[in-house]
Amino acid sequence: MMTFVDAPDEDAPKRIGYGLGVRQMVIGRESFVGHTGAIPGYSAVTVFGIDNGITIAILNNLSVIEQERLLAEIMNALNP
């Protein structure tokens, strides 16, 4: 699952690689693995910090949210 291949996404530049069901992301200077998803009316993101061991899960009732911005804000709150 953690063997990543290049999988750039022009709409989400912080998502840099894809493994077996998980995506590699860099938020700030932190490396994360996780998965994002959306269906009409809902969206979600769950990530695990490779270096820091932090797990963040965001579930909401909006189809589209700024996932990377929210993750960065949470990380800033955890590491002032």
N, C-alpha and C. Protein backbone atom coordinates (compact mmCIF):
# COMPACT_ATOMS: atom_id res chain seq x y z
N MET A 1 0.82 -1.20 0.00
CA MET A 1 0.00 0.00 0.00
C MET A 1 0.86 1.26 0.00
N MET A 2 2.06 1.17 0.55
CA MET A 2 2.90 2.35 0.70
C MET A 2 3.96 2.46 -0.40
N THR A 3 3.82 1.69 -1.46
CA THR A 3 4.69 1.86 -2.62
C THR A 3 3.97 2.80 -3.56
N PHE A 4 4.45 4.04 -3.63
CA PHE A 4 3.74 5.08 -4.36
C PHE A 4 4.26 5.24 -5.78
N VAL A 5 3.35 5.53 -6.68
CA VAL A 5 3.69 5.88 -8.05
C VAL A 5 3.33 7.34 -8.25
N ASP A 6 4.01 8.00 -9.17
CA ASP A 6 3.68 9.39 -9.46
C ASP A 6 2.23 9.47 -9.91
N ALA A 7 1.50 10.38 -9.29
CA ALA A 7 0.09 10.56 -9.64
C ALA A 7 -0.29 12.00 -9.40
N PRO A 8 0.35 12.90 -10.12
CA PRO A 8 0.04 14.32 -9.90
C PRO A 8 -1.41 14.62 -10.28
N ASP A 9 -1.98 15.54 -9.54
CA ASP A 9 -3.36 15.96 -9.78
C ASP A 9 -3.34 17.48 -9.90
N GLU A 10 -3.57 18.00 -11.09
CA GLU A 10 -3.51 19.44 -11.31
C GLU A 10 -4.46 20.20 -10.39
N ASP A 11 -5.58 19.60 -10.02
CA ASP A 11 -6.54 20.25 -9.14
C ASP A 11 -6.15 20.18 -7.67
N ALA A 12 -5.20 19.32 -7.33
CA ALA A 12 -4.77 19.14 -5.94
C ALA A 12 -3.26 18.93 -5.90
N PRO A 13 -2.48 19.99 -6.03
CA PRO A 13 -1.03 19.86 -6.17
C PRO A 13 -0.33 19.27 -4.95
N LYS A 14 -0.95 19.29 -3.78
CA LYS A 14 -0.31 18.72 -2.59
C LYS A 14 -0.39 17.20 -2.57
N ARG A 15 -1.20 16.64 -3.43
CA ARG A 15 -1.33 15.18 -3.53
C ARG A 15 -0.34 14.72 -4.59
N ILE A 16 0.71 14.04 -4.17
CA ILE A 16 1.84 13.83 -5.07
C ILE A 16 2.03 12.39 -5.53
N GLY A 17 1.48 11.41 -4.85
CA GLY A 17 1.66 10.03 -5.26
C GLY A 17 0.49 9.18 -4.82
N TYR A 18 0.34 8.02 -5.45
CA TYR A 18 -0.78 7.16 -5.11
C TYR A 18 -0.27 5.74 -4.93
N GLY A 19 -0.71 5.08 -3.86
CA GLY A 19 -0.38 3.68 -3.60
C GLY A 19 -1.62 2.84 -3.78
N LEU A 20 -1.72 1.76 -3.06
CA LEU A 20 -2.87 0.88 -3.15
C LEU A 20 -3.95 1.39 -2.20
N GLY A 21 -4.75 2.35 -2.67
CA GLY A 21 -5.84 2.88 -1.87
C GLY A 21 -5.49 4.09 -1.01
N VAL A 22 -4.22 4.47 -0.93
CA VAL A 22 -3.84 5.65 -0.16
C VAL A 22 -3.07 6.61 -1.03
N ARG A 23 -3.20 7.88 -0.70
CA ARG A 23 -2.49 8.91 -1.44
C ARG A 23 -1.43 9.51 -0.54
N GLN A 24 -0.32 9.89 -1.14
CA GLN A 24 0.75 10.56 -0.42
C GLN A 24 0.53 12.06 -0.56
N MET A 25 0.61 12.79 0.56
CA MET A 25 0.38 14.23 0.56
C MET A 25 1.45 14.92 1.38
N VAL A 26 1.71 16.17 1.05
CA VAL A 26 2.57 17.02 1.87
C VAL A 26 1.75 18.23 2.26
N ILE A 27 1.56 18.42 3.57
CA ILE A 27 0.83 19.56 4.11
C ILE A 27 1.82 20.35 4.94
N GLY A 28 2.09 21.58 4.54
CA GLY A 28 3.17 22.34 5.18
C GLY A 28 4.47 21.63 4.85
N ARG A 29 5.16 21.20 5.85
CA ARG A 29 6.40 20.42 5.64
C ARG A 29 6.25 18.98 6.11
N GLU A 30 5.02 18.59 6.41
CA GLU A 30 4.74 17.26 6.96
C GLU A 30 4.26 16.30 5.87
N SER A 31 4.74 15.06 5.92
CA SER A 31 4.31 14.03 4.97
C SER A 31 3.16 13.23 5.58
N PHE A 32 2.14 13.00 4.79
CA PHE A 32 0.97 12.25 5.22
C PHE A 32 0.61 11.21 4.18
N VAL A 33 -0.07 10.17 4.63
CA VAL A 33 -0.74 9.24 3.73
C VAL A 33 -2.20 9.20 4.15
N GLY A 34 -3.07 9.02 3.18
CA GLY A 34 -4.48 9.00 3.52
C GLY A 34 -5.33 8.85 2.29
N HIS A 35 -6.58 9.24 2.46
CA HIS A 35 -7.52 9.11 1.35
C HIS A 35 -8.58 10.20 1.47
N THR A 36 -9.00 10.70 0.34
CA THR A 36 -10.05 11.71 0.29
C THR A 36 -11.23 11.13 -0.48
N GLY A 37 -12.37 11.74 -0.30
CA GLY A 37 -13.53 11.27 -1.05
C GLY A 37 -14.67 12.25 -0.97
N ALA A 38 -15.58 12.13 -1.91
CA ALA A 38 -16.75 12.99 -1.93
C ALA A 38 -17.86 12.31 -2.72
N ILE A 39 -19.08 12.51 -2.25
CA ILE A 39 -20.28 12.15 -2.98
C ILE A 39 -21.20 13.35 -2.83
N PRO A 40 -22.20 13.48 -3.65
CA PRO A 40 -23.08 14.65 -3.52
C PRO A 40 -23.58 14.84 -2.08
N GLY A 41 -23.25 15.99 -1.53
CA GLY A 41 -23.69 16.33 -0.19
C GLY A 41 -22.72 16.01 0.92
N TYR A 42 -21.63 15.30 0.64
CA TYR A 42 -20.68 14.90 1.68
C TYR A 42 -19.27 14.87 1.10
N SER A 43 -18.29 15.12 1.97
CA SER A 43 -16.90 14.89 1.60
C SER A 43 -16.12 14.53 2.85
N ALA A 44 -14.95 13.91 2.64
CA ALA A 44 -14.17 13.43 3.76
C ALA A 44 -12.69 13.37 3.39
N VAL A 45 -11.86 13.43 4.41
CA VAL A 45 -10.43 13.22 4.26
C VAL A 45 -9.93 12.62 5.56
N THR A 46 -9.10 11.61 5.45
CA THR A 46 -8.44 11.01 6.60
C THR A 46 -6.97 10.85 6.24
N VAL A 47 -6.09 11.33 7.12
CA VAL A 47 -4.65 11.24 6.85
C VAL A 47 -3.92 10.79 8.11
N PHE A 48 -2.75 10.18 7.90
CA PHE A 48 -1.86 9.77 8.98
C PHE A 48 -0.50 10.39 8.70
N GLY A 49 0.06 11.06 9.70
CA GLY A 49 1.38 11.68 9.58
C GLY A 49 2.48 10.65 9.68
N ILE A 50 3.22 10.47 8.61
CA ILE A 50 4.28 9.47 8.57
C ILE A 50 5.35 9.75 9.63
N ASP A 51 5.74 11.01 9.75
CA ASP A 51 6.82 11.37 10.66
C ASP A 51 6.33 11.70 12.07
N ASN A 52 5.11 12.22 12.19
CA ASN A 52 4.66 12.70 13.50
C ASN A 52 3.62 11.79 14.17
N GLY A 53 3.08 10.81 13.47
CA GLY A 53 2.12 9.88 14.05
C GLY A 53 0.74 10.45 14.29
N ILE A 54 0.47 11.64 13.78
CA ILE A 54 -0.83 12.29 13.98
C ILE A 54 -1.82 11.77 12.94
N THR A 55 -3.03 11.44 13.39
CA THR A 55 -4.12 11.05 12.50
C THR A 55 -5.18 12.14 12.55
N ILE A 56 -5.64 12.57 11.38
CA ILE A 56 -6.68 13.59 11.28
C ILE A 56 -7.77 13.05 10.36
N ALA A 57 -9.02 13.16 10.82
CA ALA A 57 -10.17 12.76 10.01
C ALA A 57 -11.16 13.92 9.97
N ILE A 58 -11.58 14.29 8.77
CA ILE A 58 -12.57 15.35 8.60
C ILE A 58 -13.73 14.78 7.79
N LEU A 59 -14.92 14.84 8.37
CA LEU A 59 -16.15 14.43 7.69
C LEU A 59 -17.09 15.62 7.72
N ASN A 60 -17.74 15.91 6.61
CA ASN A 60 -18.65 17.06 6.61
C ASN A 60 -19.79 16.86 5.63
N ASN A 61 -20.77 17.75 5.74
CA ASN A 61 -21.95 17.64 4.89
C ASN A 61 -21.94 18.68 3.77
N LEU A 62 -20.79 18.88 3.20
CA LEU A 62 -20.63 19.71 2.00
C LEU A 62 -19.98 18.86 0.92
N SER A 63 -20.38 19.04 -0.31
CA SER A 63 -19.79 18.24 -1.39
C SER A 63 -18.34 18.62 -1.64
N VAL A 64 -18.01 19.89 -1.46
CA VAL A 64 -16.66 20.36 -1.76
C VAL A 64 -16.15 21.18 -0.58
N ILE A 65 -14.97 20.83 -0.08
CA ILE A 65 -14.31 21.63 0.95
C ILE A 65 -12.84 21.78 0.54
N GLU A 66 -12.18 22.72 1.14
CA GLU A 66 -10.75 22.91 0.89
C GLU A 66 -9.98 22.00 1.85
N GLN A 67 -9.83 20.75 1.48
CA GLN A 67 -9.27 19.74 2.36
C GLN A 67 -7.85 20.07 2.81
N GLU A 68 -6.99 20.45 1.88
CA GLU A 68 -5.60 20.74 2.24
C GLU A 68 -5.51 21.94 3.17
N ARG A 69 -6.34 22.97 2.95
CA ARG A 69 -6.32 24.15 3.81
C ARG A 69 -6.77 23.79 5.22
N LEU A 70 -7.83 22.99 5.33
CA LEU A 70 -8.30 22.58 6.65
C LEU A 70 -7.26 21.73 7.37
N LEU A 71 -6.61 20.81 6.66
CA LEU A 71 -5.55 20.01 7.27
C LEU A 71 -4.40 20.89 7.74
N ALA A 72 -4.03 21.88 6.94
CA ALA A 72 -2.95 22.79 7.33
C ALA A 72 -3.34 23.60 8.56
N GLU A 73 -4.58 24.05 8.64
CA GLU A 73 -5.04 24.80 9.82
C GLU A 73 -5.01 23.93 11.07
N ILE A 74 -5.41 22.68 10.94
CA ILE A 74 -5.37 21.76 12.09
C ILE A 74 -3.93 21.54 12.53
N MET A 75 -3.03 21.33 11.56
CA MET A 75 -1.61 21.14 11.90
C MET A 75 -1.04 22.37 12.57
N ASN A 76 -1.42 23.55 12.11
CA ASN A 76 -0.94 24.79 12.74
C ASN A 76 -1.46 24.89 14.18
N ALA A 77 -2.69 24.46 14.43
CA ALA A 77 -3.23 24.50 15.78
C ALA A 77 -2.52 23.49 16.69
N LEU A 78 -2.11 22.36 16.13
CA LEU A 78 -1.42 21.35 16.93
C LEU A 78 0.04 21.70 17.18
N ASN A 79 0.64 22.45 16.26
CA ASN A 79 2.07 22.83 16.37
C ASN A 79 2.20 24.34 16.25
N PRO A 80 1.77 25.08 17.29
CA PRO A 80 1.81 26.55 17.19
C PRO A 80 3.22 27.11 17.08
